[in-house]
């Protein structure tokens, strides 16, 4: 198991490759925002919880849990324990979520 801090740094590198965004520090999490939040980061003791907002219920890689939050928004929850999970497929999900924030305008 890799340190959560290292996993968070790797995740931030993937996010940096997407373009401009800002982070909002919350009590127990970090919201990653463009025009609206598109990723939630939840550092835990043994893993990094990541919530990705998409407009569909299915995704690759499959999420641990998916919640419908509105008619066309779904929160995909991932439990990241290894850098190997932060691969091209996961990077593509982040890009899709990032691009959705612009598509709303």
N, C-alpha and C. Protein backbone atom coordinates (compact mmCIF):
# COMPACT_ATOMS: atom_id res chain seq x y z
N UNK A 1 0.85 -1.19 0.00
CA UNK A 1 0.00 0.00 0.00
C UNK A 1 0.89 1.25 0.00
N UNK A 2 0.54 2.17 -0.86
CA UNK A 2 1.33 3.39 -1.00
C UNK A 2 0.78 4.49 -0.09
N UNK A 3 1.65 5.39 0.36
CA UNK A 3 1.18 6.49 1.22
C UNK A 3 0.12 7.34 0.50
N UNK A 4 -0.90 7.72 1.22
CA UNK A 4 -2.00 8.50 0.65
C UNK A 4 -1.49 9.82 0.07
N UNK A 5 -0.49 10.42 0.71
CA UNK A 5 0.05 11.68 0.21
C UNK A 5 0.65 11.51 -1.19
N UNK A 6 1.33 10.38 -1.42
CA UNK A 6 1.92 10.11 -2.73
C UNK A 6 0.84 9.90 -3.78
N UNK A 7 -0.22 9.20 -3.41
CA UNK A 7 -1.33 8.98 -4.33
C UNK A 7 -1.99 10.31 -4.70
N UNK A 8 -2.13 11.19 -3.71
CA UNK A 8 -2.74 12.49 -3.97
C UNK A 8 -1.87 13.33 -4.90
N UNK A 9 -0.56 13.27 -4.74
CA UNK A 9 0.35 14.00 -5.64
C UNK A 9 0.21 13.48 -7.07
N UNK A 10 0.11 12.17 -7.23
CA UNK A 10 -0.06 11.58 -8.57
C UNK A 10 -1.38 12.01 -9.19
N UNK A 11 -2.43 12.02 -8.38
CA UNK A 11 -3.74 12.46 -8.87
C UNK A 11 -3.68 13.92 -9.31
N UNK A 12 -3.02 14.76 -8.54
CA UNK A 12 -2.91 16.17 -8.89
C UNK A 12 -2.13 16.35 -10.20
N UNK A 13 -1.15 15.50 -10.46
CA UNK A 13 -0.42 15.57 -11.74
C UNK A 13 -1.37 15.29 -12.90
N UNK A 14 -2.24 14.28 -12.74
CA UNK A 14 -3.22 13.99 -13.79
C UNK A 14 -4.15 15.19 -13.99
N UNK A 15 -4.60 15.78 -12.90
CA UNK A 15 -5.49 16.94 -13.00
C UNK A 15 -4.78 18.12 -13.65
N UNK A 16 -3.51 18.32 -13.33
CA UNK A 16 -2.75 19.43 -13.93
C UNK A 16 -2.67 19.31 -15.45
N UNK A 17 -2.68 18.08 -15.95
CA UNK A 17 -2.58 17.87 -17.40
C UNK A 17 -3.87 18.24 -18.13
N UNK A 18 -4.96 18.44 -17.38
CA UNK A 18 -6.25 18.76 -18.01
C UNK A 18 -6.37 20.21 -18.42
N UNK A 19 -5.81 21.09 -17.64
CA UNK A 19 -5.95 22.52 -17.90
C UNK A 19 -6.16 23.28 -16.60
N UNK A 20 -6.84 24.40 -16.70
CA UNK A 20 -7.03 25.30 -15.55
C UNK A 20 -8.18 24.81 -14.68
N UNK A 21 -7.94 24.80 -13.39
CA UNK A 21 -8.94 24.46 -12.39
C UNK A 21 -8.51 25.10 -11.08
N UNK A 22 -9.37 25.06 -10.10
CA UNK A 22 -8.97 25.51 -8.77
C UNK A 22 -9.41 24.46 -7.76
N UNK A 23 -8.83 24.53 -6.60
CA UNK A 23 -9.21 23.60 -5.53
C UNK A 23 -9.84 24.39 -4.39
N UNK A 24 -10.82 23.76 -3.76
CA UNK A 24 -11.48 24.34 -2.60
C UNK A 24 -11.33 23.37 -1.44
N UNK A 25 -10.60 23.80 -0.43
CA UNK A 25 -10.37 22.97 0.74
C UNK A 25 -11.63 22.96 1.60
N UNK A 26 -12.15 21.78 1.87
CA UNK A 26 -13.30 21.60 2.75
C UNK A 26 -12.79 20.98 4.04
N UNK A 27 -13.68 20.69 4.97
CA UNK A 27 -13.27 20.16 6.27
C UNK A 27 -12.52 18.82 6.12
N UNK A 28 -13.09 17.89 5.36
CA UNK A 28 -12.48 16.56 5.22
C UNK A 28 -12.20 16.18 3.77
N UNK A 29 -12.24 17.15 2.88
CA UNK A 29 -12.06 16.83 1.47
C UNK A 29 -11.55 18.05 0.70
N UNK A 30 -11.29 17.82 -0.57
CA UNK A 30 -10.89 18.88 -1.48
C UNK A 30 -11.79 18.78 -2.70
N UNK A 31 -12.41 19.88 -3.07
CA UNK A 31 -13.21 19.93 -4.30
C UNK A 31 -12.34 20.51 -5.40
N UNK A 32 -12.34 19.84 -6.53
CA UNK A 32 -11.62 20.33 -7.71
C UNK A 32 -12.67 20.94 -8.63
N UNK A 33 -12.49 22.24 -8.94
CA UNK A 33 -13.54 23.02 -9.57
C UNK A 33 -13.04 23.66 -10.86
N UNK A 34 -13.87 23.63 -11.87
CA UNK A 34 -13.67 24.44 -13.06
C UNK A 34 -14.81 25.46 -13.03
N UNK A 35 -15.89 25.23 -13.72
CA UNK A 35 -17.07 26.07 -13.53
C UNK A 35 -17.93 25.56 -12.39
N UNK A 36 -17.75 24.30 -12.06
CA UNK A 36 -18.38 23.64 -10.92
C UNK A 36 -17.46 22.50 -10.51
N UNK A 37 -17.74 21.89 -9.38
CA UNK A 37 -16.90 20.78 -8.92
C UNK A 37 -17.06 19.59 -9.86
N UNK A 38 -15.93 19.01 -10.24
CA UNK A 38 -15.98 17.83 -11.10
C UNK A 38 -15.25 16.64 -10.49
N UNK A 39 -14.47 16.89 -9.44
CA UNK A 39 -13.79 15.82 -8.70
C UNK A 39 -13.78 16.19 -7.23
N UNK A 40 -14.01 15.19 -6.39
CA UNK A 40 -13.87 15.35 -4.95
C UNK A 40 -12.76 14.42 -4.48
N UNK A 41 -11.87 14.91 -3.64
CA UNK A 41 -10.76 14.11 -3.13
C UNK A 41 -10.96 13.96 -1.63
N UNK A 42 -10.96 12.72 -1.16
CA UNK A 42 -11.21 12.41 0.24
C UNK A 42 -10.06 11.57 0.80
N UNK A 43 -9.01 12.22 1.33
CA UNK A 43 -7.89 11.45 1.89
C UNK A 43 -8.31 10.69 3.15
N UNK A 44 -8.02 9.41 3.17
CA UNK A 44 -8.29 8.54 4.32
C UNK A 44 -6.95 8.00 4.81
N UNK A 45 -6.96 7.25 5.91
CA UNK A 45 -5.71 6.71 6.43
C UNK A 45 -5.06 5.71 5.49
N UNK A 46 -5.87 4.84 4.88
CA UNK A 46 -5.30 3.74 4.10
C UNK A 46 -5.59 3.83 2.60
N UNK A 47 -6.33 4.84 2.16
CA UNK A 47 -6.61 4.98 0.74
C UNK A 47 -7.01 6.42 0.42
N UNK A 48 -7.07 6.71 -0.87
CA UNK A 48 -7.51 8.02 -1.35
C UNK A 48 -8.88 7.83 -1.99
N UNK A 49 -9.89 8.41 -1.40
CA UNK A 49 -11.22 8.37 -1.98
C UNK A 49 -11.34 9.45 -3.04
N UNK A 50 -11.83 9.07 -4.22
CA UNK A 50 -11.97 10.04 -5.31
C UNK A 50 -13.38 9.91 -5.88
N UNK A 51 -14.06 11.04 -5.96
CA UNK A 51 -15.41 11.11 -6.50
C UNK A 51 -15.34 11.86 -7.83
N UNK A 52 -15.74 11.19 -8.92
CA UNK A 52 -15.70 11.80 -10.25
C UNK A 52 -17.13 12.00 -10.72
N UNK A 53 -17.46 13.22 -11.18
CA UNK A 53 -18.81 13.55 -11.61
C UNK A 53 -18.91 13.38 -13.13
N UNK A 54 -19.80 12.47 -13.55
CA UNK A 54 -20.01 12.20 -14.97
C UNK A 54 -21.48 12.32 -15.32
N UNK A 55 -21.79 12.29 -16.62
CA UNK A 55 -23.19 12.36 -17.05
C UNK A 55 -23.75 10.99 -17.42
N UNK A 56 -23.09 9.94 -16.96
CA UNK A 56 -23.56 8.58 -17.23
C UNK A 56 -23.28 7.70 -16.02
N UNK A 57 -24.00 6.60 -15.93
CA UNK A 57 -23.88 5.74 -14.76
C UNK A 57 -22.79 4.68 -14.89
N UNK A 58 -22.40 4.35 -16.11
CA UNK A 58 -21.35 3.34 -16.28
C UNK A 58 -20.03 4.04 -16.64
N UNK A 59 -18.95 3.41 -16.23
CA UNK A 59 -17.63 4.00 -16.50
C UNK A 59 -16.57 2.91 -16.48
N UNK A 60 -15.49 3.17 -17.18
CA UNK A 60 -14.32 2.30 -17.13
C UNK A 60 -13.15 3.15 -16.71
N UNK A 61 -12.48 2.80 -15.63
CA UNK A 61 -12.67 1.61 -14.80
C UNK A 61 -13.96 1.70 -13.98
N UNK A 62 -14.53 0.53 -13.64
CA UNK A 62 -15.77 0.55 -12.87
C UNK A 62 -15.57 1.16 -11.48
N UNK A 63 -16.54 1.91 -11.04
CA UNK A 63 -16.48 2.57 -9.73
C UNK A 63 -16.89 1.60 -8.63
N UNK A 64 -16.42 1.88 -7.42
CA UNK A 64 -16.82 1.12 -6.25
C UNK A 64 -18.30 1.33 -5.98
N UNK A 65 -18.76 2.56 -6.23
CA UNK A 65 -20.15 2.95 -5.97
C UNK A 65 -20.52 4.07 -6.94
N UNK A 66 -21.77 4.07 -7.39
CA UNK A 66 -22.27 5.14 -8.26
C UNK A 66 -23.58 5.65 -7.69
N UNK A 67 -23.68 6.96 -7.51
CA UNK A 67 -24.91 7.60 -7.02
C UNK A 67 -25.43 8.55 -8.07
N UNK A 68 -26.72 8.47 -8.34
CA UNK A 68 -27.36 9.45 -9.22
C UNK A 68 -27.69 10.66 -8.36
N UNK A 69 -27.18 11.83 -8.74
CA UNK A 69 -27.39 13.03 -7.93
C UNK A 69 -28.36 14.01 -8.59
N UNK A 70 -28.63 13.81 -9.88
CA UNK A 70 -29.63 14.61 -10.59
C UNK A 70 -30.01 13.83 -11.85
N UNK A 71 -30.85 14.43 -12.67
CA UNK A 71 -31.33 13.74 -13.87
C UNK A 71 -30.18 13.31 -14.79
N UNK A 72 -29.13 14.10 -14.83
CA UNK A 72 -28.04 13.77 -15.75
C UNK A 72 -26.65 13.87 -15.11
N UNK A 73 -26.56 13.63 -13.81
CA UNK A 73 -25.27 13.64 -13.12
C UNK A 73 -25.17 12.44 -12.19
N UNK A 74 -23.99 11.82 -12.24
CA UNK A 74 -23.70 10.65 -11.43
C UNK A 74 -22.35 10.84 -10.74
N UNK A 75 -22.29 10.50 -9.46
CA UNK A 75 -21.03 10.53 -8.73
C UNK A 75 -20.47 9.11 -8.72
N UNK A 76 -19.26 8.96 -9.25
CA UNK A 76 -18.56 7.69 -9.30
C UNK A 76 -17.49 7.70 -8.22
N UNK A 77 -17.58 6.78 -7.28
CA UNK A 77 -16.65 6.74 -6.16
C UNK A 77 -15.57 5.68 -6.40
N UNK A 78 -14.33 6.09 -6.21
CA UNK A 78 -13.18 5.20 -6.39
C UNK A 78 -12.35 5.18 -5.11
N UNK A 79 -11.84 4.00 -4.79
CA UNK A 79 -10.97 3.81 -3.64
C UNK A 79 -9.58 3.54 -4.20
N UNK A 80 -8.72 4.56 -4.19
CA UNK A 80 -7.40 4.46 -4.80
C UNK A 80 -6.38 4.04 -3.73
N UNK A 81 -5.73 2.90 -3.98
CA UNK A 81 -4.73 2.38 -3.04
C UNK A 81 -3.36 2.22 -3.70
N UNK A 82 -3.31 2.41 -5.03
CA UNK A 82 -2.06 2.20 -5.76
C UNK A 82 -1.98 3.17 -6.94
N UNK A 83 -0.76 3.55 -7.28
CA UNK A 83 -0.53 4.42 -8.44
C UNK A 83 -1.01 3.76 -9.73
N UNK A 84 -1.01 2.43 -9.75
CA UNK A 84 -1.44 1.70 -10.95
C UNK A 84 -2.90 1.99 -11.29
N UNK A 85 -3.68 2.37 -10.30
CA UNK A 85 -5.08 2.72 -10.54
C UNK A 85 -5.21 4.08 -11.23
N UNK A 86 -4.20 4.90 -11.12
CA UNK A 86 -4.21 6.23 -11.74
C UNK A 86 -3.60 6.12 -13.14
N UNK A 87 -4.24 5.31 -13.96
CA UNK A 87 -3.73 4.98 -15.29
C UNK A 87 -4.44 5.79 -16.37
N UNK A 88 -4.23 5.39 -17.63
CA UNK A 88 -4.83 6.13 -18.76
C UNK A 88 -6.35 6.11 -18.71
N UNK A 89 -6.93 4.98 -18.32
CA UNK A 89 -8.40 4.90 -18.24
C UNK A 89 -8.94 5.88 -17.20
N UNK A 90 -8.26 5.96 -16.06
CA UNK A 90 -8.70 6.88 -15.02
C UNK A 90 -8.48 8.33 -15.47
N UNK A 91 -7.37 8.58 -16.15
CA UNK A 91 -7.09 9.93 -16.66
C UNK A 91 -8.17 10.34 -17.65
N UNK A 92 -8.65 9.40 -18.46
CA UNK A 92 -9.71 9.70 -19.42
C UNK A 92 -11.02 10.07 -18.71
N UNK A 93 -11.32 9.39 -17.61
CA UNK A 93 -12.51 9.74 -16.81
C UNK A 93 -12.40 11.17 -16.28
N UNK A 94 -11.23 11.52 -15.79
CA UNK A 94 -11.02 12.87 -15.28
C UNK A 94 -11.22 13.90 -16.38
N UNK A 95 -10.70 13.61 -17.57
CA UNK A 95 -10.85 14.52 -18.71
C UNK A 95 -12.32 14.67 -19.09
N UNK A 96 -13.04 13.57 -19.08
CA UNK A 96 -14.46 13.62 -19.40
C UNK A 96 -15.21 14.49 -18.39
N UNK A 97 -14.92 14.31 -17.11
CA UNK A 97 -15.55 15.12 -16.07
C UNK A 97 -15.18 16.59 -16.23
N UNK A 98 -13.92 16.86 -16.52
CA UNK A 98 -13.43 18.23 -16.73
C UNK A 98 -14.16 18.87 -17.91
N UNK A 99 -14.26 18.14 -19.01
CA UNK A 99 -14.91 18.67 -20.21
C UNK A 99 -16.40 18.92 -19.99
N UNK A 100 -17.03 18.15 -19.15
CA UNK A 100 -18.47 18.35 -18.87
C UNK A 100 -18.74 19.71 -18.23
N UNK A 101 -17.79 20.21 -17.47
CA UNK A 101 -18.01 21.49 -16.81
C UNK A 101 -18.10 22.62 -17.83
N UNK A 102 -17.37 22.52 -18.92
CA UNK A 102 -17.42 23.53 -19.97
C UNK A 102 -18.64 23.36 -20.86
N UNK A 103 -19.08 22.12 -21.05
CA UNK A 103 -20.19 21.84 -21.96
C UNK A 103 -21.51 22.43 -21.47
N UNK A 104 -21.59 22.77 -20.19
CA UNK A 104 -22.83 23.28 -19.62
C UNK A 104 -23.11 24.71 -20.04
N UNK A 105 -22.14 25.42 -20.53
CA UNK A 105 -22.33 26.85 -20.85
C UNK A 105 -23.09 27.04 -22.14
